[in-house]
Amino acid sequence: MYKTTSRLLAIAAASLALTVGAAAANAQTPPPGGPGMMHGGPGMMHGGPGMHGDFMLGFKKLHDKLNLNAAQEKQWQAALDTMKQNGAAMRKNHEQLKQQFDAMKNQPILDLNAMHAAHQQIDQQNQQLREQTAQAWLAFYNGLNDQQKTTVSATLKDRFAKMEQRHEKMRERWEQHRGQHQGGASAPAAQQ
């Protein structure tokens, strides 16, 4: 029970960091990550062209709806600064890992142990950065009044619903794709 509650809290905190953080960045800073990174870090999205801009516009609207007082705005800016700094650090970590791999890939025998250790170290550093970012956004969220928390909650719930719809569409496409390949593979066997 505790593990499930803890996991849900972590998901909500990460979602808050993604939701509020990405909005706050409002396209001022490129999201962390880079080529080849699946989901990246706070503020990263996957999807079609234009989604990031739409996402950012939605968060600008959220910020405007919250009608923050001076203290809350200060917390917003502190969380935003933390997110930007940690995003830059994560991009730097990613680049460092890429450079290490580039240096190793020309060796006749790859040192997989060294590559794994470097990857684990970067993952650990990035996890700490993600946690710092989540804590900064949680501090912001905890400073909101109930009406503002309701606004954030409604935005998160809407975001979760849209994510679920996208995942469902992806699952359906995958099943169609898998069905086409399975159907195509059985046809030649039937002809023999």
Protein backbone atom coordinates (compact mmCIF):
# COMPACT_ATOMS: atom_id res chain seq x y z
CA MET A 1 0.00 0.00 0.00
CA TYR A 2 2.77 2.43 0.99
CA LYS A 3 4.68 1.61 -2.19
CA THR A 4 1.63 2.35 -4.35
CA THR A 5 0.89 5.60 -2.52
CA SER A 6 4.53 6.59 -2.76
CA ARG A 7 4.57 5.79 -6.49
CA LEU A 8 1.41 7.81 -7.11
CA LEU A 9 2.86 10.73 -5.15
CA ALA A 10 6.05 10.53 -7.21
CA ILE A 11 4.03 10.47 -10.43
CA ALA A 12 1.98 13.46 -9.30
CA ALA A 13 5.14 15.35 -8.32
CA ALA A 14 6.78 14.56 -11.64
CA SER A 15 3.61 15.56 -13.47
CA LEU A 16 3.52 18.82 -11.57
CA ALA A 17 7.14 19.45 -12.50
CA LEU A 18 6.36 18.63 -16.12
CA THR A 19 3.13 20.55 -16.20
CA VAL A 20 4.04 23.67 -14.33
CA GLY A 21 7.71 23.61 -15.26
CA ALA A 22 7.23 23.25 -18.96
CA ALA A 23 4.68 25.99 -18.95
CA ALA A 24 6.93 28.26 -17.01
CA ALA A 25 9.79 27.79 -19.39
CA ASN A 26 7.44 29.07 -22.10
CA ALA A 27 9.93 28.21 -24.80
CA GLN A 28 12.61 30.40 -23.21
CA THR A 29 14.93 27.43 -22.73
CA PRO A 30 15.14 24.33 -24.90
CA PRO A 31 14.03 21.25 -22.97
CA PRO A 32 16.67 18.99 -21.47
CA GLY A 33 17.73 15.98 -23.45
CA GLY A 34 18.90 15.79 -26.96
CA PRO A 35 19.00 13.59 -29.99
CA GLY A 36 18.36 10.01 -29.10
CA MET A 37 16.83 10.70 -25.69
CA MET A 38 13.47 9.07 -25.34
CA HIS A 39 11.67 11.19 -22.78
CA GLY A 40 14.45 13.46 -21.56
CA GLY A 41 13.81 15.34 -18.37
CA PRO A 42 11.41 17.88 -17.02
CA GLY A 43 9.57 19.62 -19.79
CA MET A 44 10.29 16.98 -22.42
CA MET A 45 7.48 15.60 -24.49
CA HIS A 46 7.20 13.09 -27.24
CA GLY A 47 4.74 13.47 -30.01
CA GLY A 48 4.20 15.19 -33.30
CA PRO A 49 5.45 18.55 -34.47
CA GLY A 50 3.79 21.48 -32.80
CA MET A 51 2.90 19.57 -29.64
CA HIS A 52 5.62 21.25 -27.58
CA GLY A 53 4.41 24.71 -28.55
CA ASP A 54 0.80 23.80 -27.74
CA PHE A 55 1.96 22.31 -24.46
CA MET A 56 3.88 25.46 -23.57
CA LEU A 57 0.96 27.70 -24.46
CA GLY A 58 -1.26 25.65 -22.15
CA PHE A 59 1.11 26.23 -19.27
CA LYS A 60 1.36 29.93 -19.90
CA LYS A 61 -2.42 29.93 -19.58
CA LEU A 62 -2.17 27.94 -16.34
CA HIS A 63 0.28 30.45 -14.90
CA ASP A 64 -2.07 33.28 -15.83
CA LYS A 65 -5.10 31.48 -14.29
CA LEU A 66 -3.34 31.03 -10.96
CA ASN A 67 -3.19 34.77 -10.20
CA LEU A 68 -0.09 34.34 -8.06
CA ASN A 69 0.71 36.72 -5.24
CA ALA A 70 4.25 38.08 -4.84
CA ALA A 71 5.43 35.23 -2.58
CA GLN A 72 3.97 32.58 -4.90
CA GLU A 73 5.51 34.24 -7.94
CA LYS A 74 8.87 34.16 -6.16
CA GLN A 75 8.42 30.40 -5.55
CA TRP A 76 7.39 29.95 -9.19
CA GLN A 77 10.55 31.73 -10.34
CA ALA A 78 12.73 29.73 -7.91
CA ALA A 79 11.25 26.47 -9.21
CA LEU A 80 11.66 27.68 -12.78
CA ASP A 81 15.30 28.61 -12.17
CA THR A 82 15.94 25.23 -10.53
CA MET A 83 14.33 23.48 -13.48
CA LYS A 84 16.39 25.45 -16.00
CA GLN A 85 19.67 24.90 -14.15
CA ASN A 86 18.97 21.20 -13.67
CA GLY A 87 17.87 20.85 -17.28
CA ALA A 88 21.14 22.40 -18.42
CA ALA A 89 23.06 20.06 -16.11
CA MET A 90 21.18 17.06 -17.53
CA ARG A 91 21.98 18.16 -21.08
CA LYS A 92 25.63 18.51 -20.07
CA ASN A 93 25.54 15.01 -18.51
CA HIS A 94 24.02 13.62 -21.70
CA GLU A 95 26.70 15.28 -23.81
CA GLN A 96 29.42 13.96 -21.49
CA LEU A 97 28.04 10.43 -21.84
CA LYS A 98 27.88 10.82 -25.63
CA GLN A 99 31.50 12.01 -25.72
CA GLN A 100 32.60 9.04 -23.61
CA PHE A 101 30.79 6.67 -25.94
CA ASP A 102 32.27 8.37 -29.01
CA ALA A 103 35.75 7.97 -27.54
CA MET A 104 35.15 4.29 -26.77
CA LYS A 105 33.37 3.24 -29.97
CA ASN A 106 36.56 3.25 -32.05
CA GLN A 107 38.19 0.68 -29.79
CA PRO A 108 38.28 -2.84 -31.24
CA ILE A 109 36.78 -4.26 -28.04
CA LEU A 110 34.24 -2.16 -26.23
CA ASP A 111 34.60 -1.84 -22.46
CA LEU A 112 30.97 -2.50 -21.64
CA ASN A 113 31.70 -2.39 -17.91
CA ALA A 114 33.07 1.16 -18.20
CA MET A 115 30.17 2.19 -20.43
CA HIS A 116 27.68 0.75 -17.96
CA ALA A 117 29.38 2.44 -14.99
CA ALA A 118 29.38 5.81 -16.79
CA HIS A 119 25.71 5.37 -17.70
CA GLN A 120 24.80 4.43 -14.12
CA GLN A 121 26.67 7.46 -12.76
CA ILE A 122 24.90 9.83 -15.17
CA ASP A 123 21.53 8.23 -14.37
CA GLN A 124 22.17 8.72 -10.67
CA GLN A 125 23.14 12.37 -11.14
CA ASN A 126 20.11 12.98 -13.36
CA GLN A 127 17.81 11.35 -10.83
CA GLN A 128 19.09 13.74 -8.17
CA LEU A 129 18.51 16.67 -10.53
CA ARG A 130 14.98 15.48 -11.32
CA GLU A 131 14.28 15.13 -7.60
CA GLN A 132 15.56 18.66 -6.91
CA THR A 133 13.31 19.98 -9.66
CA ALA A 134 10.30 18.04 -8.35
CA GLN A 135 10.94 19.32 -4.82
CA ALA A 136 11.14 22.91 -6.07
CA TRP A 137 7.79 22.56 -7.87
CA LEU A 138 6.25 20.82 -4.87
CA ALA A 139 7.36 23.72 -2.67
CA PHE A 140 5.62 26.05 -5.14
CA TYR A 141 2.50 23.87 -5.19
CA ASN A 142 2.38 23.66 -1.39
CA GLY A 143 2.33 27.47 -1.27
CA LEU A 144 -0.86 27.65 -3.31
CA ASN A 145 -4.31 28.12 -1.81
CA ASP A 146 -7.04 25.51 -2.32
CA GLN A 147 -8.55 27.31 -5.30
CA GLN A 148 -5.16 27.46 -7.05
CA LYS A 149 -4.48 23.79 -6.22
CA THR A 150 -7.86 22.93 -7.72
CA THR A 151 -6.86 24.76 -10.92
CA VAL A 152 -3.55 22.88 -11.07
CA SER A 153 -5.30 19.59 -10.27
CA ALA A 154 -7.83 20.09 -13.07
CA THR A 155 -4.98 20.84 -15.49
CA LEU A 156 -3.10 17.72 -14.39
CA LYS A 157 -6.20 15.54 -14.67
CA ASP A 158 -6.81 16.85 -18.18
CA ARG A 159 -3.15 16.20 -19.04
CA PHE A 160 -3.38 12.63 -17.65
CA ALA A 161 -6.50 11.99 -19.73
CA LYS A 162 -4.80 13.23 -22.91
CA MET A 163 -1.72 11.14 -22.19
CA GLU A 164 -3.91 8.09 -21.66
CA GLN A 165 -5.68 8.74 -24.98
CA ARG A 166 -2.32 8.99 -26.78
CA HIS A 167 -1.10 5.79 -25.14
CA GLU A 168 -4.31 4.01 -26.12
CA LYS A 169 -3.92 5.15 -29.75
CA MET A 170 -0.30 4.01 -29.74
CA ARG A 171 -1.35 0.63 -28.33
CA GLU A 172 -4.03 0.27 -31.02
CA ARG A 173 -1.52 1.14 -33.77
CA TRP A 174 0.95 -1.33 -32.34
CA GLU A 175 -1.70 -4.08 -32.31
CA GLN A 176 -2.66 -3.24 -35.92
CA HIS A 177 0.99 -3.26 -36.96
CA ARG A 178 1.61 -6.55 -35.15
CA GLY A 179 -1.55 -8.05 -36.67
CA GLN A 180 -0.46 -7.05 -40.19
CA HIS A 181 2.92 -8.71 -39.74
CA GLN A 182 1.44 -11.86 -38.21
CA GLY A 183 -1.16 -12.07 -40.97
CA GLY A 184 1.49 -11.57 -43.66
CA ALA A 185 3.76 -14.22 -42.15
CA SER A 186 1.04 -16.89 -42.09
CA ALA A 187 -0.03 -16.37 -45.74
CA PRO A 188 3.17 -17.76 -47.31
CA ALA A 189 3.09 -20.74 -44.97
CA ALA A 190 -0.48 -21.54 -46.06
CA GLN A 191 0.54 -21.53 -49.73
CA GLN A 192 3.24 -24.17 -49.23
